[in-house]
Amino acid sequence: MEPDAALFAQLPHTLTGTDLTALGSRYEGKVRDTYARGDTLVLVVTDRLSAFDRVLTTIPFKGEVLNRLSAFWFERTRHVVKNHFLDLPDPNVTVARACTPLQVEVIVRGYLAGSLWRDVRDEKALPWDLPIPEAPREHQAFERPVLTPFTKAAPGEHDAPIGDEELLARGLVSSRHWMQIREIALALYEEGRSWAASRGLILVDTKYEFGLLNDEVVLIDEIHTPDSSRYWLAASLEERLSRGEAPEMFDKETIRRWLIREHGFQGQGDIPTIPDDLRVELARRYLSVYETLTGIRLPTPVTPVAARVEANLRTAGLL
């Protein structure tokens, strides 16, 4: 079967969600279904696609790309910070250590792009002291990466930008841990940016989440995936920008731009219907960035993901 045909054929078999209560108490995030039992978590990475803090649809093989790519990066960054990863019993499942999650997301940005660009363009007040030039341009590089924290919102609510002073005043993280997190996040970004550059990609910006384990900062959730990060193709960047075109993107910005352009949608009101051809196009981009970063081409068998996940969890003795 041709690759695109397999992606279209997989659309009815994507993983929309799980109900595996035998794994433990269940928490449903925008993308992950997390089951907690004792000091262990089982994270099932679904194929759900979210943008503007709303779940929109599903994308074929998206959960597998996110889960496998996070495992790849967790291994590559162990020398920077400990992480919660323990095992990968299924392409869509991670077994992890239970940590106390910190209610803050850390976004490290190398370029003026995405939501930050839209806020700067619209002259919105921002809680961070950023080196924004007097005549800012979209896709403009910062001299040095900048760090922009957000509160981690509950499902159905929007993440909110927050400055260091308020973050500490609200007790979202201690001063000692925040100093460590800032240093770790910048180091992780440099690791990711360097590797991406060696593979012909630009890691534009990325989100990190952290938890505490025995009072030690630990990296959790995901790392350097096309859900949590923005990737551009390096080879065509300057030419495209010189023509006034957007970079070639391998991340969720594609769907965000389509939602804004075609429907004026930025999270409010009814969710537009996402066409199948756009779902497949995004699947193609996710698979491409995985192959580029890891050097491994993922197979795309047409199969019900939910049934495979449950079978592999039983084989692993988790169900």
Protein backbone atom coordinates (compact mmCIF):
# COMPACT_ATOMS: atom_id res chain seq x y z
CA MET A 1 0.00 0.00 0.00
CA GLU A 2 1.29 3.48 -0.89
CA PRO A 3 2.24 5.61 2.15
CA ASP A 4 -0.57 8.15 1.75
CA ALA A 5 -3.09 5.37 1.13
CA ALA A 6 -2.03 3.77 4.42
CA LEU A 7 -2.46 7.08 6.24
CA PHE A 8 -5.97 7.56 4.84
CA ALA A 9 -6.83 3.93 5.63
CA GLN A 10 -5.67 4.40 9.23
CA LEU A 11 -8.02 7.34 9.89
CA PRO A 12 -10.86 5.16 11.28
CA HIS A 13 -8.40 3.24 13.48
CA THR A 14 -6.70 6.10 15.31
CA LEU A 15 -6.55 6.06 19.10
CA THR A 16 -9.15 8.54 20.34
CA GLY A 17 -8.95 7.56 24.00
CA THR A 18 -8.71 4.69 26.48
CA ASP A 19 -10.65 3.24 29.40
CA LEU A 20 -8.17 0.92 31.11
CA THR A 21 -9.05 1.41 34.76
CA ALA A 22 -7.24 -1.80 35.72
CA LEU A 23 -4.06 0.23 35.20
CA GLY A 24 -4.95 2.57 38.09
CA SER A 25 -6.64 5.91 38.61
CA ARG A 26 -7.10 7.76 35.32
CA TYR A 27 -6.34 11.35 34.35
CA GLU A 28 -7.16 12.55 30.84
CA GLY A 29 -5.01 15.30 29.38
CA LYS A 30 -5.34 16.86 25.96
CA VAL A 31 -3.23 14.11 24.37
CA ARG A 32 -2.28 11.60 27.09
CA ASP A 33 -4.39 9.27 29.20
CA THR A 34 -2.37 8.80 32.38
CA TYR A 35 -2.94 5.95 34.82
CA ALA A 36 -1.43 6.08 38.31
CA ARG A 37 -0.78 3.14 40.59
CA GLY A 38 1.60 3.51 43.50
CA ASP A 39 4.88 5.04 42.36
CA THR A 40 4.33 4.13 38.70
CA LEU A 41 2.51 5.87 35.87
CA VAL A 42 1.33 4.36 32.60
CA LEU A 43 1.00 7.09 29.96
CA VAL A 44 -1.01 6.15 26.89
CA VAL A 45 -0.23 8.67 24.15
CA THR A 46 -3.36 8.91 22.01
CA ASP A 47 -3.64 10.21 18.46
CA ARG A 48 -5.63 13.23 19.64
CA LEU A 49 -4.59 16.57 18.15
CA SER A 50 -4.94 19.72 20.22
CA ALA A 51 -4.39 23.35 19.30
CA PHE A 52 -5.25 26.53 21.17
CA ASP A 53 -5.91 24.27 24.20
CA ARG A 54 -8.77 22.45 22.42
CA VAL A 55 -8.85 18.85 21.22
CA LEU A 56 -9.65 19.02 17.50
CA THR A 57 -9.43 15.58 15.92
CA THR A 58 -7.03 12.64 15.61
CA ILE A 59 -3.98 12.16 13.39
CA PRO A 60 -2.80 8.73 12.17
CA PHE A 61 0.32 7.46 13.99
CA LYS A 62 0.68 10.72 15.90
CA GLY A 63 0.72 9.08 19.33
CA GLU A 64 3.39 6.63 18.25
CA VAL A 65 5.57 9.42 16.85
CA LEU A 66 5.29 11.43 20.06
CA ASN A 67 5.92 8.45 22.31
CA ARG A 68 8.86 7.01 20.39
CA LEU A 69 10.46 10.41 19.79
CA SER A 70 10.20 11.32 23.48
CA ALA A 71 11.91 8.02 24.36
CA PHE A 72 14.66 8.89 21.87
CA TRP A 73 15.20 12.32 23.43
CA PHE A 74 14.91 11.11 27.04
CA GLU A 75 17.85 8.80 26.34
CA ARG A 76 19.87 11.50 24.56
CA THR A 77 19.44 14.04 27.38
CA ARG A 78 19.98 11.91 30.49
CA HIS A 79 23.32 13.63 31.04
CA VAL A 80 21.50 16.98 31.32
CA VAL A 81 18.69 16.01 33.71
CA LYS A 82 17.04 12.88 35.06
CA ASN A 83 13.68 12.00 33.51
CA HIS A 84 10.68 9.89 34.42
CA PHE A 85 10.97 7.32 31.59
CA LEU A 86 11.15 3.62 32.53
CA ASP A 87 9.84 1.48 29.67
CA LEU A 88 8.01 1.46 26.34
CA PRO A 89 5.75 -1.65 26.29
CA ASP A 90 3.83 -0.45 23.22
CA PRO A 91 4.56 2.19 20.55
CA ASN A 92 1.92 4.43 22.17
CA VAL A 93 2.68 3.66 25.84
CA THR A 94 5.32 4.84 28.29
CA VAL A 95 5.79 3.47 31.81
CA ALA A 96 7.22 6.19 34.02
CA ARG A 97 8.12 7.09 37.57
CA ALA A 98 5.44 9.02 39.41
CA CYS A 99 6.70 12.52 40.25
CA THR A 100 5.06 15.56 41.78
CA PRO A 101 4.35 17.69 38.69
CA LEU A 102 5.12 21.40 38.86
CA GLN A 103 2.26 23.60 37.65
CA VAL A 104 4.36 25.51 35.16
CA GLU A 105 5.41 24.93 31.56
CA VAL A 106 8.74 26.28 30.35
CA ILE A 107 8.99 27.41 26.73
CA VAL A 108 12.44 28.14 25.34
CA ARG A 109 12.43 30.17 22.13
CA GLY A 110 15.18 30.78 19.61
CA TYR A 111 13.00 32.76 17.19
CA LEU A 112 10.15 35.25 17.23
CA ALA A 113 7.44 32.94 15.94
CA GLY A 114 4.07 31.40 16.65
CA SER A 115 1.97 32.74 19.52
CA LEU A 116 4.77 35.04 20.72
CA TRP A 117 4.93 36.70 17.31
CA ARG A 118 1.15 37.12 17.23
CA ASP A 119 1.23 38.73 20.70
CA VAL A 120 4.09 41.06 19.74
CA ARG A 121 2.43 41.97 16.44
CA ASP A 122 -0.82 42.75 18.27
CA GLU A 123 1.09 44.74 20.93
CA LYS A 124 -0.19 42.62 23.79
CA ALA A 125 1.30 43.18 27.22
CA LEU A 126 3.72 40.39 28.13
CA PRO A 127 5.01 39.46 31.61
CA TRP A 128 8.56 38.78 30.45
CA ASP A 129 11.49 41.09 29.81
CA LEU A 130 12.34 40.00 26.27
CA PRO A 131 14.81 41.51 23.80
CA ILE A 132 12.14 42.44 21.23
CA PRO A 133 13.59 44.80 18.56
CA GLU A 134 11.91 48.11 17.78
CA ALA A 135 10.80 46.85 14.37
CA PRO A 136 10.16 43.15 15.01
CA ARG A 137 9.79 40.69 12.14
CA GLU A 138 8.12 37.31 12.17
CA HIS A 139 10.61 34.40 12.13
CA GLN A 140 13.40 36.67 13.41
CA ALA A 141 16.10 34.93 15.47
CA PHE A 142 16.93 36.03 19.00
CA GLU A 143 20.60 36.63 19.71
CA ARG A 144 20.26 34.13 22.57
CA PRO A 145 17.40 31.78 23.42
CA VAL A 146 14.77 33.27 25.73
CA LEU A 147 12.69 31.52 28.36
CA THR A 148 8.95 32.18 28.70
CA PRO A 149 7.07 30.28 31.43
CA PHE A 150 3.32 29.58 31.41
CA THR A 151 0.98 28.27 34.05
CA LYS A 152 -0.21 24.74 33.36
CA ALA A 153 -3.96 24.96 32.96
CA ALA A 154 -6.56 22.35 33.80
CA PRO A 155 -8.32 20.61 30.87
CA GLY A 156 -10.64 23.02 29.09
CA GLU A 157 -8.78 26.08 30.35
CA HIS A 158 -6.03 28.11 28.69
CA ASP A 159 -2.37 28.15 29.72
CA ALA A 160 -1.43 31.67 30.79
CA PRO A 161 1.91 33.51 30.50
CA ILE A 162 3.52 34.27 33.83
CA GLY A 163 6.65 36.18 34.85
CA ASP A 164 9.31 34.87 37.22
CA GLU A 165 8.29 37.17 40.07
CA GLU A 166 4.61 36.16 40.03
CA LEU A 167 5.49 32.51 39.50
CA LEU A 168 7.53 32.52 42.71
CA ALA A 169 5.04 34.67 44.62
CA ARG A 170 2.26 32.20 43.84
CA GLY A 171 4.40 29.31 45.06
CA LEU A 172 4.21 27.38 41.80
CA VAL A 173 7.86 26.47 42.28
CA SER A 174 10.51 27.31 44.86
CA SER A 175 13.24 29.84 44.11
CA ARG A 176 15.91 27.13 44.34
CA HIS A 177 14.13 24.79 41.96
CA TRP A 178 13.27 27.61 39.55
CA MET A 179 16.94 28.56 39.20
CA GLN A 180 17.73 24.93 38.43
CA ILE A 181 14.86 24.62 35.96
CA ARG A 182 15.91 27.71 34.02
CA GLU A 183 19.44 26.35 33.64
CA ILE A 184 18.22 22.85 32.73
CA ALA A 185 15.70 24.11 30.17
CA LEU A 186 18.29 26.19 28.34
CA ALA A 187 20.73 23.26 28.35
CA LEU A 188 18.06 20.90 26.98
CA TYR A 189 17.24 23.37 24.23
CA GLU A 190 20.90 23.59 23.21
CA GLU A 191 21.11 19.79 23.07
CA GLY A 192 18.00 19.65 20.91
CA ARG A 193 18.99 22.53 18.68
CA SER A 194 22.45 21.09 18.05
CA TRP A 195 21.13 17.65 17.11
CA ALA A 196 18.35 19.05 14.95
CA ALA A 197 20.88 21.23 13.09
CA SER A 198 22.99 18.14 12.36
CA ARG A 199 19.90 16.61 10.74
CA GLY A 200 19.01 19.66 8.65
CA LEU A 201 16.29 21.00 10.94
CA ILE A 202 15.94 24.10 13.12
CA LEU A 203 14.49 23.61 16.59
CA VAL A 204 12.71 26.95 16.74
CA ASP A 205 11.15 26.68 20.18
CA THR A 206 10.03 23.98 22.56
CA LYS A 207 8.11 23.31 25.76
CA TYR A 208 9.37 21.45 28.83
CA GLU A 209 7.51 20.16 31.87
CA PHE A 210 9.16 19.19 35.14
CA GLY A 211 8.31 17.39 38.35
CA LEU A 212 9.98 16.67 41.66
CA LEU A 213 11.16 13.26 42.81
CA ASN A 214 12.65 13.24 46.31
CA ASP A 215 13.02 17.03 45.98
CA GLU A 216 15.06 16.63 42.77
CA VAL A 217 14.01 18.23 39.48
CA VAL A 218 13.01 15.61 36.90
CA LEU A 219 11.96 16.05 33.26
CA ILE A 220 8.46 14.65 32.60
CA ASP A 221 5.74 14.46 29.93
CA GLU A 222 7.44 14.71 26.50
CA ILE A 223 10.49 16.31 24.93
CA HIS A 224 11.30 17.79 21.51
CA THR A 225 8.28 16.32 19.74
CA PRO A 226 6.41 18.09 16.92
CA ASP A 227 3.58 18.60 19.43
CA SER A 228 5.71 20.38 22.01
CA SER A 229 8.20 21.97 19.60
CA ARG A 230 8.42 23.94 16.40
CA TYR A 231 10.71 22.58 13.66
CA TRP A 232 11.70 24.28 10.40
CA LEU A 233 13.64 22.92 7.42
CA ALA A 234 17.00 24.69 7.51
CA ALA A 235 17.96 24.39 3.83
CA SER A 236 15.04 26.42 2.50
CA LEU A 237 14.65 28.95 5.33
CA GLU A 238 16.53 31.97 3.98
CA GLU A 239 15.14 31.61 0.46
CA ARG A 240 11.57 31.33 1.69
CA LEU A 241 11.90 34.27 4.07
CA SER A 242 13.43 36.40 1.31
CA ARG A 243 10.28 35.73 -0.75
CA GLY A 244 8.05 36.63 2.16
CA GLU A 245 6.99 33.02 2.63
CA ALA A 246 6.69 31.02 5.83
CA PRO A 247 9.35 28.40 6.63
CA GLU A 248 8.76 24.75 5.79
CA MET A 249 7.21 23.52 9.04
CA PHE A 250 7.13 20.09 10.66
CA ASP A 251 4.88 20.71 13.66
CA LYS A 252 1.42 21.82 14.79
CA GLU A 253 1.83 25.37 13.48
CA THR A 254 0.48 24.09 10.16
CA ILE A 255 -2.92 23.38 11.70
CA ARG A 256 -2.90 26.56 13.79
CA ARG A 257 -2.35 28.70 10.70
CA TRP A 258 -5.08 26.85 8.81
CA LEU A 259 -7.55 27.35 11.66
CA ILE A 260 -6.79 31.08 11.84
CA ARG A 261 -6.75 31.61 8.07
CA GLU A 262 -9.79 29.54 7.13
CA HIS A 263 -11.99 29.91 10.20
CA GLY A 264 -10.62 32.72 12.36
CA PHE A 265 -10.43 30.10 15.12
CA GLN A 266 -8.04 30.54 18.05
CA GLY A 267 -9.74 28.37 20.63
CA GLN A 268 -13.09 30.13 21.05
CA GLY A 269 -16.45 28.81 19.87
CA ASP A 270 -17.23 25.65 17.95
CA ILE A 271 -14.32 23.57 16.68
CA PRO A 272 -14.16 23.52 12.85
CA THR A 273 -14.23 20.18 11.06
CA ILE A 274 -10.70 19.16 10.13
CA PRO A 275 -10.61 17.70 6.58
CA ASP A 276 -9.14 14.22 6.15
CA ASP A 277 -6.55 15.43 3.67
CA LEU A 278 -5.25 17.91 6.26
CA ARG A 279 -5.14 15.17 8.90
CA VAL A 280 -3.09 13.00 6.54
CA GLU A 281 -0.79 15.89 5.61
CA LEU A 282 -0.05 16.49 9.28
CA ALA A 283 0.58 12.77 9.80
CA ARG A 284 3.06 12.88 6.93
CA ARG A 285 4.90 15.80 8.54
CA TYR A 286 5.04 14.10 11.95
CA LEU A 287 6.40 10.89 10.46
CA SER A 288 8.92 12.88 8.42
CA VAL A 289 10.34 14.75 11.41
CA TYR A 290 10.63 11.49 13.34
CA GLU A 291 12.57 9.84 10.51
CA THR A 292 14.79 12.89 10.04
CA LEU A 293 15.70 13.15 13.73
CA THR A 294 16.15 9.45 14.49
CA GLY A 295 17.22 8.02 11.12
CA ILE A 296 14.47 5.39 11.49
CA ARG A 297 11.46 5.11 9.20
CA LEU A 298 8.35 4.07 11.09
CA PRO A 299 6.17 1.39 9.47
CA THR A 300 2.56 2.46 8.95
CA PRO A 301 0.43 -0.71 9.20
CA VAL A 302 -3.33 -0.22 9.04
CA THR A 303 -4.45 -1.57 12.40
CA PRO A 304 -6.80 -0.66 15.29
CA VAL A 305 -4.43 1.02 17.74
CA ALA A 306 -6.65 0.50 20.79
CA ALA A 307 -6.69 -3.29 20.39
CA ARG A 308 -2.91 -3.44 19.90
CA VAL A 309 -2.27 -1.27 22.97
CA GLU A 310 -4.43 -3.47 25.18
CA ALA A 311 -2.82 -6.67 23.86
CA ASN A 312 0.71 -5.34 24.47
CA LEU A 313 -0.18 -4.14 27.96
CA ARG A 314 -1.47 -7.65 28.77
CA THR A 315 1.72 -9.19 27.38
CA ALA A 316 3.76 -6.84 29.57
CA GLY A 317 1.77 -7.91 32.63
CA LEU A 318 0.36 -4.42 33.18
CA LEU A 319 -3.27 -5.51 32.67
